[in-house]
Amino acid sequence: VNQDSVFKQVESEILSEKLDGIMRQCLTKREYDILRMRYGLGGRPAYT
């Protein structure tokens, strides 16, 4: 890939931070933890 991938990576990090903030605001701790595990958010592996 060309240099555009660098910008896409930065955009994805910003998007992840915004999404994490929204999740923390409207979910319970258990709901938050389960969604992070299920979808591999925050750099962790995704689980069934």
All heavy atoms as atom14 arrays in JSON, in Angstrom:
{
  "sequence": "VNQDSVFKQVESEILSEKLDGIMRQCLTKREYDILRMRYGLGGRPAYT",
  "atom14_mask": [
    [1, 1, 1, 1, 1, 1, 1, 0, 0, 0, 0, 0, 0, 0],
    [1, 1, 1, 1, 1, 1, 1, 1, 0, 0, 0, 0, 0, 0],
    [1, 1, 1, 1, 1, 1, 1, 1, 1, 0, 0, 0, 0, 0],
    [1, 1, 1, 1, 1, 1, 1, 1, 0, 0, 0, 0, 0, 0],
    [1, 1, 1, 1, 1, 1, 0, 0, 0, 0, 0, 0, 0, 0],
    [1, 1, 1, 1, 1, 1, 1, 0, 0, 0, 0, 0, 0, 0],
    [1, 1, 1, 1, 1, 1, 1, 1, 1, 1, 1, 0, 0, 0],
    [1, 1, 1, 1, 1, 1, 1, 1, 1, 0, 0, 0, 0, 0],
    [1, 1, 1, 1, 1, 1, 1, 1, 1, 0, 0, 0, 0, 0],
    [1, 1, 1, 1, 1, 1, 1, 0, 0, 0, 0, 0, 0, 0],
    [1, 1, 1, 1, 1, 1, 1, 1, 1, 0, 0, 0, 0, 0],
    [1, 1, 1, 1, 1, 1, 0, 0, 0, 0, 0, 0, 0, 0],
    [1, 1, 1, 1, 1, 1, 1, 1, 1, 0, 0, 0, 0, 0],
    [1, 1, 1, 1, 1, 1, 1, 1, 0, 0, 0, 0, 0, 0],
    [1, 1, 1, 1, 1, 1, 1, 1, 0, 0, 0, 0, 0, 0],
    [1, 1, 1, 1, 1, 1, 0, 0, 0, 0, 0, 0, 0, 0],
    [1, 1, 1, 1, 1, 1, 1, 1, 1, 0, 0, 0, 0, 0],
    [1, 1, 1, 1, 1, 1, 1, 1, 1, 0, 0, 0, 0, 0],
    [1, 1, 1, 1, 1, 1, 1, 1, 0, 0, 0, 0, 0, 0],
    [1, 1, 1, 1, 1, 1, 1, 1, 0, 0, 0, 0, 0, 0],
    [1, 1, 1, 1, 0, 0, 0, 0, 0, 0, 0, 0, 0, 0],
    [1, 1, 1, 1, 1, 1, 1, 1, 0, 0, 0, 0, 0, 0],
    [1, 1, 1, 1, 1, 1, 1, 1, 0, 0, 0, 0, 0, 0],
    [1, 1, 1, 1, 1, 1, 1, 1, 1, 1, 1, 0, 0, 0],
    [1, 1, 1, 1, 1, 1, 1, 1, 1, 0, 0, 0, 0, 0],
    [1, 1, 1, 1, 1, 1, 0, 0, 0, 0, 0, 0, 0, 0],
    [1, 1, 1, 1, 1, 1, 1, 1, 0, 0, 0, 0, 0, 0],
    [1, 1, 1, 1, 1, 1, 1, 0, 0, 0, 0, 0, 0, 0],
    [1, 1, 1, 1, 1, 1, 1, 1, 1, 0, 0, 0, 0, 0],
    [1, 1, 1, 1, 1, 1, 1, 1, 1, 1, 1, 0, 0, 0],
    [1, 1, 1, 1, 1, 1, 1, 1, 1, 0, 0, 0, 0, 0],
    [1, 1, 1, 1, 1, 1, 1, 1, 1, 1, 1, 1, 0, 0],
    [1, 1, 1, 1, 1, 1, 1, 1, 0, 0, 0, 0, 0, 0],
    [1, 1, 1, 1, 1, 1, 1, 1, 0, 0, 0, 0, 0, 0],
    [1, 1, 1, 1, 1, 1, 1, 1, 0, 0, 0, 0, 0, 0],
    [1, 1, 1, 1, 1, 1, 1, 1, 1, 1, 1, 0, 0, 0],
    [1, 1, 1, 1, 1, 1, 1, 1, 0, 0, 0, 0, 0, 0],
    [1, 1, 1, 1, 1, 1, 1, 1, 1, 1, 1, 0, 0, 0],
    [1, 1, 1, 1, 1, 1, 1, 1, 1, 1, 1, 1, 0, 0],
    [1, 1, 1, 1, 0, 0, 0, 0, 0, 0, 0, 0, 0, 0],
    [1, 1, 1, 1, 1, 1, 1, 1, 0, 0, 0, 0, 0, 0],
    [1, 1, 1, 1, 0, 0, 0, 0, 0, 0, 0, 0, 0, 0],
    [1, 1, 1, 1, 0, 0, 0, 0, 0, 0, 0, 0, 0, 0],
    [1, 1, 1, 1, 1, 1, 1, 1, 1, 1, 1, 0, 0, 0],
    [1, 1, 1, 1, 1, 1, 1, 0, 0, 0, 0, 0, 0, 0],
    [1, 1, 1, 1, 1, 0, 0, 0, 0, 0, 0, 0, 0, 0],
    [1, 1, 1, 1, 1, 1, 1, 1, 1, 1, 1, 1, 0, 0],
    [1, 1, 1, 1, 1, 1, 1, 0, 0, 0, 0, 0, 0, 0]
  ],
  "atom14_positions": [
    [[0.83, -1.2, 0.0], [0.0, 0.0, 0.0], [0.86, 1.25, 0.0], [2.04, 1.22, 0.35], [-0.93, 0.04, 1.24], [-1.91, -1.09, 1.2], [-0.12, 0.0, 2.53], [0.0, 0.0, 0.0], [0.0, 0.0, 0.0], [0.0, 0.0, 0.0], [0.0, 0.0, 0.0], [0.0, 0.0, 0.0], [0.0, 0.0, 0.0], [0.0, 0.0, 0.0]],
    [[0.24, 2.39, -0.4], [0.98, 3.65, -0.43], [0.82, 4.4, 0.87], [0.32, 3.87, 1.86], [0.49, 4.52, -1.62], [-1.0, 4.74, -1.55], [-1.58, 4.81, -0.47], [-1.64, 4.85, -2.71], [0.0, 0.0, 0.0], [0.0, 0.0, 0.0], [0.0, 0.0, 0.0], [0.0, 0.0, 0.0], [0.0, 0.0, 0.0], [0.0, 0.0, 0.0]],
    [[1.22, 5.66, 0.88], [1.25, 6.43, 2.12], [-0.14, 6.7, 2.68], [-0.27, 7.08, 3.84], [1.97, 7.76, 1.88], [3.45, 7.59, 1.6], [4.13, 8.93, 1.39], [3.48, 9.94, 1.17], [5.44, 8.93, 1.45], [0.0, 0.0, 0.0], [0.0, 0.0, 0.0], [0.0, 0.0, 0.0], [0.0, 0.0, 0.0], [0.0, 0.0, 0.0]],
    [[-1.19, 6.55, 1.87], [-2.54, 6.79, 2.37], [-2.86, 5.9, 3.57], [-3.69, 6.25, 4.41], [-3.58, 6.51, 1.27], [-3.56, 7.6, 0.2], [-3.0, 8.68, 0.49], [-4.12, 7.37, -0.88], [0.0, 0.0, 0.0], [0.0, 0.0, 0.0], [0.0, 0.0, 0.0], [0.0, 0.0, 0.0], [0.0, 0.0, 0.0], [0.0, 0.0, 0.0]],
    [[-2.2, 4.74, 3.65], [-2.48, 3.81, 4.74], [-2.11, 4.44, 6.09], [-2.71, 4.12, 7.12], [-1.71, 2.51, 4.55], [-0.31, 2.74, 4.58], [0.0, 0.0, 0.0], [0.0, 0.0, 0.0], [0.0, 0.0, 0.0], [0.0, 0.0, 0.0], [0.0, 0.0, 0.0], [0.0, 0.0, 0.0], [0.0, 0.0, 0.0], [0.0, 0.0, 0.0]],
    [[-1.1, 5.31, 6.1], [-0.71, 5.98, 7.35], [-1.84, 6.85, 7.86], [-2.17, 6.85, 9.04], [0.56, 6.83, 7.12], [0.91, 7.6, 8.39], [1.71, 5.95, 6.67], [0.0, 0.0, 0.0], [0.0, 0.0, 0.0], [0.0, 0.0, 0.0], [0.0, 0.0, 0.0], [0.0, 0.0, 0.0], [0.0, 0.0, 0.0], [0.0, 0.0, 0.0]],
    [[-2.46, 7.6, 6.94], [-3.56, 8.48, 7.34], [-4.77, 7.66, 7.77], [-5.49, 8.04, 8.69], [-3.91, 9.41, 6.18], [-2.8, 10.34, 5.8], [-2.03, 10.09, 4.68], [-2.52, 11.45, 6.57], [-1.0, 10.93, 4.33], [-1.48, 12.3, 6.23], [-0.72, 12.05, 5.11], [0.0, 0.0, 0.0], [0.0, 0.0, 0.0], [0.0, 0.0, 0.0]],
    [[-5.01, 6.55, 7.09], [-6.14, 5.7, 7.46], [-5.94, 5.13, 8.87], [-6.88, 4.98, 9.63], [-6.29, 4.55, 6.46], [-6.8, 5.01, 5.1], [-6.93, 3.85, 4.13], [-7.44, 4.31, 2.77], [-7.53, 3.19, 1.8], [0.0, 0.0, 0.0], [0.0, 0.0, 0.0], [0.0, 0.0, 0.0], [0.0, 0.0, 0.0], [0.0, 0.0, 0.0]],
    [[-4.7, 4.8, 9.2], [-4.41, 4.27, 10.53], [-4.7, 5.33, 11.6], [-5.28, 5.05, 12.64], [-2.96, 3.83, 10.62], [-2.6, 3.24, 12.0], [-1.17, 2.76, 12.07], [-0.49, 2.7, 11.05], [-0.72, 2.42, 13.24], [0.0, 0.0, 0.0], [0.0, 0.0, 0.0], [0.0, 0.0, 0.0], [0.0, 0.0, 0.0], [0.0, 0.0, 0.0]],
    [[-4.29, 6.57, 11.31], [-4.55, 7.67, 12.26], [-6.05, 7.88, 12.43], [-6.56, 8.03, 13.54], [-3.88, 8.97, 11.79], [-4.29, 10.14, 12.69], [-2.36, 8.81, 11.79], [0.0, 0.0, 0.0], [0.0, 0.0, 0.0], [0.0, 0.0, 0.0], [0.0, 0.0, 0.0], [0.0, 0.0, 0.0], [0.0, 0.0, 0.0], [0.0, 0.0, 0.0]],
    [[-6.79, 7.86, 11.31], [-8.23, 8.05, 11.36], [-8.9, 6.95, 12.18], [-9.83, 7.19, 12.93], [-8.8, 8.07, 9.94], [-8.44, 9.33, 9.18], [-8.88, 9.26, 7.73], [-9.39, 8.2, 7.34], [-8.71, 10.25, 7.0], [0.0, 0.0, 0.0], [0.0, 0.0, 0.0], [0.0, 0.0, 0.0], [0.0, 0.0, 0.0], [0.0, 0.0, 0.0]],
    [[-8.41, 5.71, 12.0], [-9.01, 4.59, 12.72], [-8.78, 4.71, 14.22], [-9.64, 4.35, 15.03], [-8.45, 3.25, 12.2], [-7.11, 3.06, 12.61], [0.0, 0.0, 0.0], [0.0, 0.0, 0.0], [0.0, 0.0, 0.0], [0.0, 0.0, 0.0], [0.0, 0.0, 0.0], [0.0, 0.0, 0.0], [0.0, 0.0, 0.0], [0.0, 0.0, 0.0]],
    [[-7.6, 5.24, 14.6], [-7.31, 5.42, 16.02], [-8.23, 6.48, 16.63], [-8.72, 6.33, 17.75], [-5.84, 5.8, 16.2], [-4.88, 4.66, 15.88], [-3.43, 5.09, 15.93], [-3.18, 6.31, 16.1], [-2.55, 4.23, 15.79], [0.0, 0.0, 0.0], [0.0, 0.0, 0.0], [0.0, 0.0, 0.0], [0.0, 0.0, 0.0], [0.0, 0.0, 0.0]],
    [[-8.47, 7.56, 15.89], [-9.37, 8.61, 16.37], [-10.77, 8.07, 16.52], [-11.47, 8.32, 17.51], [-9.34, 9.82, 15.41], [-7.95, 10.47, 15.42], [-10.41, 10.84, 15.8], [-7.77, 11.55, 14.37], [0.0, 0.0, 0.0], [0.0, 0.0, 0.0], [0.0, 0.0, 0.0], [0.0, 0.0, 0.0], [0.0, 0.0, 0.0], [0.0, 0.0, 0.0]],
    [[-11.22, 7.31, 15.52], [-12.55, 6.72, 15.56], [-12.7, 5.77, 16.74], [-13.73, 5.77, 17.43], [-12.83, 5.97, 14.24], [-14.15, 5.23, 14.12], [-15.33, 6.19, 14.33], [-14.25, 4.55, 12.76], [0.0, 0.0, 0.0], [0.0, 0.0, 0.0], [0.0, 0.0, 0.0], [0.0, 0.0, 0.0], [0.0, 0.0, 0.0], [0.0, 0.0, 0.0]],
    [[-11.68, 4.99, 16.99], [-11.72, 4.04, 18.11], [-11.84, 4.77, 19.44], [-12.58, 4.34, 20.33], [-10.45, 3.17, 18.11], [-10.38, 2.38, 16.96], [0.0, 0.0, 0.0], [0.0, 0.0, 0.0], [0.0, 0.0, 0.0], [0.0, 0.0, 0.0], [0.0, 0.0, 0.0], [0.0, 0.0, 0.0], [0.0, 0.0, 0.0], [0.0, 0.0, 0.0]],
    [[-11.1, 5.87, 19.59], [-11.16, 6.64, 20.83], [-12.55, 7.24, 21.04], [-13.08, 7.22, 22.16], [-10.11, 7.75, 20.79], [-8.67, 7.23, 20.88], [-7.65, 8.36, 20.78], [-8.07, 9.53, 20.66], [-6.45, 8.06, 20.8], [0.0, 0.0, 0.0], [0.0, 0.0, 0.0], [0.0, 0.0, 0.0], [0.0, 0.0, 0.0], [0.0, 0.0, 0.0]],
    [[-13.16, 7.77, 19.97], [-14.5, 8.34, 20.09], [-15.51, 7.27, 20.46], [-16.37, 7.48, 21.33], [-14.9, 8.99, 18.76], [-14.15, 10.27, 18.45], [-14.65, 10.89, 17.15], [-13.95, 12.19, 16.85], [-14.4, 12.79, 15.56], [0.0, 0.0, 0.0], [0.0, 0.0, 0.0], [0.0, 0.0, 0.0], [0.0, 0.0, 0.0], [0.0, 0.0, 0.0]],
    [[-15.4, 6.12, 19.82], [-16.33, 5.03, 20.1], [-16.18, 4.54, 21.53], [-17.18, 4.28, 22.22], [-16.09, 3.88, 19.12], [-16.95, 2.63, 19.3], [-18.43, 2.98, 19.17], [-16.57, 1.56, 18.29], [0.0, 0.0, 0.0], [0.0, 0.0, 0.0], [0.0, 0.0, 0.0], [0.0, 0.0, 0.0], [0.0, 0.0, 0.0], [0.0, 0.0, 0.0]],
    [[-14.95, 4.44, 21.99], [-14.71, 3.99, 23.37], [-15.33, 4.96, 24.37], [-15.93, 4.54, 25.37], [-13.2, 3.87, 23.63], [-12.9, 3.25, 24.98], [-13.1, 2.03, 25.12], [-12.46, 3.98, 25.88], [0.0, 0.0, 0.0], [0.0, 0.0, 0.0], [0.0, 0.0, 0.0], [0.0, 0.0, 0.0], [0.0, 0.0, 0.0], [0.0, 0.0, 0.0]],
    [[-15.22, 6.26, 24.09], [-15.82, 7.24, 24.99], [-17.33, 7.13, 25.05], [-17.93, 7.21, 26.13], [0.0, 0.0, 0.0], [0.0, 0.0, 0.0], [0.0, 0.0, 0.0], [0.0, 0.0, 0.0], [0.0, 0.0, 0.0], [0.0, 0.0, 0.0], [0.0, 0.0, 0.0], [0.0, 0.0, 0.0], [0.0, 0.0, 0.0], [0.0, 0.0, 0.0]],
    [[-17.95, 6.9, 23.91], [-19.41, 6.74, 23.86], [-19.83, 5.49, 24.62], [-20.81, 5.5, 25.38], [-19.88, 6.65, 22.39], [-19.66, 7.99, 21.68], [-21.36, 6.26, 22.31], [-19.82, 7.92, 20.19], [0.0, 0.0, 0.0], [0.0, 0.0, 0.0], [0.0, 0.0, 0.0], [0.0, 0.0, 0.0], [0.0, 0.0, 0.0], [0.0, 0.0, 0.0]],
    [[-19.09, 4.41, 24.44], [-19.42, 3.16, 25.13], [-19.33, 3.32, 26.64], [-20.18, 2.83, 27.38], [-18.49, 2.04, 24.64], [-18.75, 1.6, 23.22], [-17.49, 0.45, 22.6], [-17.7, -0.94, 23.73], [0.0, 0.0, 0.0], [0.0, 0.0, 0.0], [0.0, 0.0, 0.0], [0.0, 0.0, 0.0], [0.0, 0.0, 0.0], [0.0, 0.0, 0.0]],
    [[-18.29, 4.0, 27.1], [-18.11, 4.2, 28.54], [-19.24, 5.03, 29.13], [-19.63, 4.84, 30.28], [-16.77, 4.87, 28.82], [-15.55, 3.98, 28.58], [-14.26, 4.73, 28.88], [-13.09, 3.92, 28.62], [-12.56, 3.05, 29.48], [-13.12, 2.9, 30.68], [-11.48, 2.35, 29.18], [0.0, 0.0, 0.0], [0.0, 0.0, 0.0], [0.0, 0.0, 0.0]],
    [[-19.78, 5.95, 28.34], [-20.83, 6.84, 28.83], [-22.19, 6.16, 28.95], [-22.95, 6.44, 29.86], [-20.96, 8.05, 27.9], [-19.77, 9.0, 27.95], [-19.84, 10.05, 26.87], [-20.89, 10.29, 26.28], [-18.7, 10.69, 26.6], [0.0, 0.0, 0.0], [0.0, 0.0, 0.0], [0.0, 0.0, 0.0], [0.0, 0.0, 0.0], [0.0, 0.0, 0.0]],
    [[-22.5, 5.26, 28.01], [-23.87, 4.74, 27.98], [-24.01, 3.26, 28.37], [-25.12, 2.74, 28.42], [-24.5, 4.97, 26.61], [-23.74, 4.05, 25.26], [0.0, 0.0, 0.0], [0.0, 0.0, 0.0], [0.0, 0.0, 0.0], [0.0, 0.0, 0.0], [0.0, 0.0, 0.0], [0.0, 0.0, 0.0], [0.0, 0.0, 0.0], [0.0, 0.0, 0.0]],
    [[-22.91, 2.57, 28.64], [-22.99, 1.16, 28.98], [-22.59, 0.91, 30.43], [-21.82, 1.68, 31.02], [-22.06, 0.33, 28.07], [-22.31, 0.38, 26.58], [-21.31, -0.52, 25.86], [-23.73, -0.01, 26.22], [0.0, 0.0, 0.0], [0.0, 0.0, 0.0], [0.0, 0.0, 0.0], [0.0, 0.0, 0.0], [0.0, 0.0, 0.0], [0.0, 0.0, 0.0]],
    [[-23.1, -0.19, 30.97], [-22.62, -0.64, 32.27], [-21.24, -1.26, 32.07], [-20.83, -1.55, 30.94], [-23.56, -1.69, 32.88], [-23.52, -2.88, 32.05], [-24.98, -1.18, 32.96], [0.0, 0.0, 0.0], [0.0, 0.0, 0.0], [0.0, 0.0, 0.0], [0.0, 0.0, 0.0], [0.0, 0.0, 0.0], [0.0, 0.0, 0.0], [0.0, 0.0, 0.0]],
    [[-20.52, -1.49, 33.15], [-19.18, -2.07, 33.03], [-19.25, -3.45, 32.39], [-18.42, -3.79, 31.55], [-18.53, -2.17, 34.41], [-17.08, -2.69, 34.34], [-16.45, -2.75, 35.7], [-14.97, -3.14, 35.59], [-14.75, -4.42, 34.88], [0.0, 0.0, 0.0], [0.0, 0.0, 0.0], [0.0, 0.0, 0.0], [0.0, 0.0, 0.0], [0.0, 0.0, 0.0]],
    [[-20.24, -4.26, 32.77], [-20.35, -5.6, 32.18], [-20.64, -5.52, 30.69], [-20.05, -6.25, 29.9], [-21.45, -6.4, 32.9], [-21.82, -7.7, 32.18], [-22.42, -8.72, 33.09], [-21.4, -9.37, 33.89], [-21.61, -10.46, 34.63], [-22.82, -10.99, 34.68], [-20.64, -11.02, 35.32], [0.0, 0.0, 0.0], [0.0, 0.0, 0.0], [0.0, 0.0, 0.0]],
    [[-21.55, -4.64, 30.29], [-21.86, -4.48, 28.87], [-20.62, -4.01, 28.1], [-20.32, -4.53, 27.01], [-22.99, -3.47, 28.69], [-24.34, -3.96, 29.18], [-25.38, -2.86, 29.24], [-24.99, -1.67, 29.26], [-26.58, -3.18, 29.29], [0.0, 0.0, 0.0], [0.0, 0.0, 0.0], [0.0, 0.0, 0.0], [0.0, 0.0, 0.0], [0.0, 0.0, 0.0]],
    [[-19.91, -3.07, 28.67], [-18.69, -2.53, 28.05], [-17.65, -3.63, 27.86], [-17.08, -3.8, 26.77], [-18.14, -1.41, 28.92], [-16.82, -0.84, 28.47], [-16.76, 0.11, 27.45], [-15.62, -1.23, 29.08], [-15.54, 0.65, 27.05], [-14.41, -0.7, 28.68], [-14.36, 0.24, 27.66], [-13.16, 0.75, 27.26], [0.0, 0.0, 0.0], [0.0, 0.0, 0.0]],
    [[-17.42, -4.41, 28.91], [-16.4, -5.47, 28.84], [-16.79, -6.53, 27.82], [-15.93, -7.03, 27.07], [-16.23, -6.11, 30.22], [-15.54, -5.17, 31.21], [-14.91, -4.21, 30.77], [-15.67, -5.41, 32.44], [0.0, 0.0, 0.0], [0.0, 0.0, 0.0], [0.0, 0.0, 0.0], [0.0, 0.0, 0.0], [0.0, 0.0, 0.0], [0.0, 0.0, 0.0]],
    [[-18.07, -6.88, 27.78], [-18.51, -7.93, 26.85], [-18.36, -7.49, 25.4], [-17.88, -8.25, 24.55], [-19.96, -8.33, 27.17], [-20.0, -9.17, 28.45], [-20.58, -9.12, 26.01], [-21.38, -9.55, 28.92], [0.0, 0.0, 0.0], [0.0, 0.0, 0.0], [0.0, 0.0, 0.0], [0.0, 0.0, 0.0], [0.0, 0.0, 0.0], [0.0, 0.0, 0.0]],
    [[-18.73, -6.25, 25.08], [-18.6, -5.78, 23.71], [-17.14, -5.69, 23.29], [-16.79, -6.0, 22.15], [-19.27, -4.42, 23.55], [-20.8, -4.41, 23.57], [-21.32, -3.04, 23.16], [-21.39, -5.48, 22.67], [0.0, 0.0, 0.0], [0.0, 0.0, 0.0], [0.0, 0.0, 0.0], [0.0, 0.0, 0.0], [0.0, 0.0, 0.0], [0.0, 0.0, 0.0]],
    [[-16.27, -5.27, 24.18], [-14.84, -5.22, 23.86], [-14.29, -6.62, 23.58], [-13.47, -6.81, 22.68], [-14.06, -4.55, 25.0], [-14.19, -3.04, 25.01], [-13.6, -2.42, 26.26], [-12.17, -2.67, 26.38], [-11.23, -1.91, 25.84], [-11.56, -0.87, 25.1], [-9.96, -2.18, 26.02], [0.0, 0.0, 0.0], [0.0, 0.0, 0.0], [0.0, 0.0, 0.0]],
    [[-14.74, -7.59, 24.35], [-14.3, -8.97, 24.13], [-14.89, -9.54, 22.84], [-14.18, -10.21, 22.08], [-14.71, -9.85, 25.32], [-13.99, -9.51, 26.62], [-14.61, -10.44, 28.03], [-14.06, -12.09, 27.61], [0.0, 0.0, 0.0], [0.0, 0.0, 0.0], [0.0, 0.0, 0.0], [0.0, 0.0, 0.0], [0.0, 0.0, 0.0], [0.0, 0.0, 0.0]],
    [[-16.16, -9.27, 22.6], [-16.82, -9.85, 21.44], [-16.28, -9.32, 20.11], [-16.19, -10.06, 19.13], [-18.33, -9.59, 21.52], [-19.06, -10.44, 22.51], [-19.27, -11.86, 21.96], [-20.18, -11.81, 20.84], [-19.89, -12.14, 19.59], [-18.67, -12.55, 19.29], [-20.78, -12.06, 18.63], [0.0, 0.0, 0.0], [0.0, 0.0, 0.0], [0.0, 0.0, 0.0]],
    [[-15.93, -8.03, 20.08], [-15.56, -7.41, 18.81], [-14.07, -7.06, 18.71], [-13.65, -6.43, 17.74], [-16.42, -6.17, 18.56], [-17.85, -6.55, 18.32], [-18.76, -6.59, 19.38], [-18.29, -6.94, 17.06], [-20.07, -6.98, 19.18], [-19.59, -7.33, 16.85], [-20.48, -7.36, 17.91], [-21.78, -7.76, 17.71], [0.0, 0.0, 0.0], [0.0, 0.0, 0.0]],
    [[-13.28, -7.48, 19.69], [-11.85, -7.25, 19.6], [-11.48, -5.78, 19.63], [-10.52, -5.36, 18.97], [0.0, 0.0, 0.0], [0.0, 0.0, 0.0], [0.0, 0.0, 0.0], [0.0, 0.0, 0.0], [0.0, 0.0, 0.0], [0.0, 0.0, 0.0], [0.0, 0.0, 0.0], [0.0, 0.0, 0.0], [0.0, 0.0, 0.0], [0.0, 0.0, 0.0]],
    [[-12.25, -4.99, 20.37], [-11.96, -3.55, 20.46], [-10.81, -3.31, 21.43], [-10.57, -4.08, 22.34], [-13.22, -2.81, 20.94], [-14.45, -2.98, 20.04], [-15.66, -2.29, 20.66], [-14.19, -2.44, 18.64], [0.0, 0.0, 0.0], [0.0, 0.0, 0.0], [0.0, 0.0, 0.0], [0.0, 0.0, 0.0], [0.0, 0.0, 0.0], [0.0, 0.0, 0.0]],
    [[-10.11, -2.21, 21.21], [-8.99, -1.88, 22.07], [-7.76, -2.72, 21.83], [-6.88, -2.83, 22.69], [0.0, 0.0, 0.0], [0.0, 0.0, 0.0], [0.0, 0.0, 0.0], [0.0, 0.0, 0.0], [0.0, 0.0, 0.0], [0.0, 0.0, 0.0], [0.0, 0.0, 0.0], [0.0, 0.0, 0.0], [0.0, 0.0, 0.0], [0.0, 0.0, 0.0]],
    [[-7.68, -3.32, 20.63], [-6.49, -4.09, 20.28], [-6.45, -5.51, 20.8], [-5.49, -6.23, 20.59], [0.0, 0.0, 0.0], [0.0, 0.0, 0.0], [0.0, 0.0, 0.0], [0.0, 0.0, 0.0], [0.0, 0.0, 0.0], [0.0, 0.0, 0.0], [0.0, 0.0, 0.0], [0.0, 0.0, 0.0], [0.0, 0.0, 0.0], [0.0, 0.0, 0.0]],
    [[-7.52, -5.94, 21.49], [-7.55, -7.3, 22.0], [-8.15, -8.24, 20.95], [-8.81, -7.78, 20.01], [-8.36, -7.37, 23.29], [-9.85, -7.1, 23.09], [-10.61, -7.31, 24.38], [-10.19, -6.39, 25.41], [-10.47, -6.56, 26.7], [-11.14, -7.62, 27.1], [-10.07, -5.66, 27.59], [0.0, 0.0, 0.0], [0.0, 0.0, 0.0], [0.0, 0.0, 0.0]],
    [[-7.94, -9.56, 21.09], [-8.55, -10.49, 20.13], [-10.07, -10.56, 20.31], [-10.58, -10.33, 21.41], [-7.9, -11.84, 20.49], [-7.5, -11.69, 21.92], [-7.1, -10.26, 22.08], [0.0, 0.0, 0.0], [0.0, 0.0, 0.0], [0.0, 0.0, 0.0], [0.0, 0.0, 0.0], [0.0, 0.0, 0.0], [0.0, 0.0, 0.0], [0.0, 0.0, 0.0]],
    [[-10.78, -10.82, 19.23], [-12.24, -10.96, 19.3], [-12.59, -12.4, 19.67], [-11.98, -13.35, 19.17], [-12.86, -10.6, 17.95], [0.0, 0.0, 0.0], [0.0, 0.0, 0.0], [0.0, 0.0, 0.0], [0.0, 0.0, 0.0], [0.0, 0.0, 0.0], [0.0, 0.0, 0.0], [0.0, 0.0, 0.0], [0.0, 0.0, 0.0], [0.0, 0.0, 0.0]],
    [[-13.55, -12.56, 20.57], [-13.97, -13.88, 21.01], [-15.4, -14.17, 20.56], [-16.22, -13.26, 20.41], [-13.92, -13.98, 22.54], [-12.54, -13.87, 23.13], [-12.23, -12.84, 24.02], [-11.55, -14.79, 22.81], [-10.96, -12.73, 24.57], [-10.28, -14.69, 23.36], [-9.99, -13.65, 24.23], [-8.73, -13.54, 24.77], [0.0, 0.0, 0.0], [0.0, 0.0, 0.0]],
    [[-15.7, -15.43, 20.35], [-17.07, -15.84, 20.05], [-17.92, -15.67, 21.3], [-17.4, -15.49, 22.41], [-17.13, -17.32, 19.62], [-16.7, -18.14, 20.72], [-16.21, -17.57, 18.43], [0.0, 0.0, 0.0], [0.0, 0.0, 0.0], [0.0, 0.0, 0.0], [0.0, 0.0, 0.0], [0.0, 0.0, 0.0], [0.0, 0.0, 0.0], [0.0, 0.0, 0.0]]
  ]
}
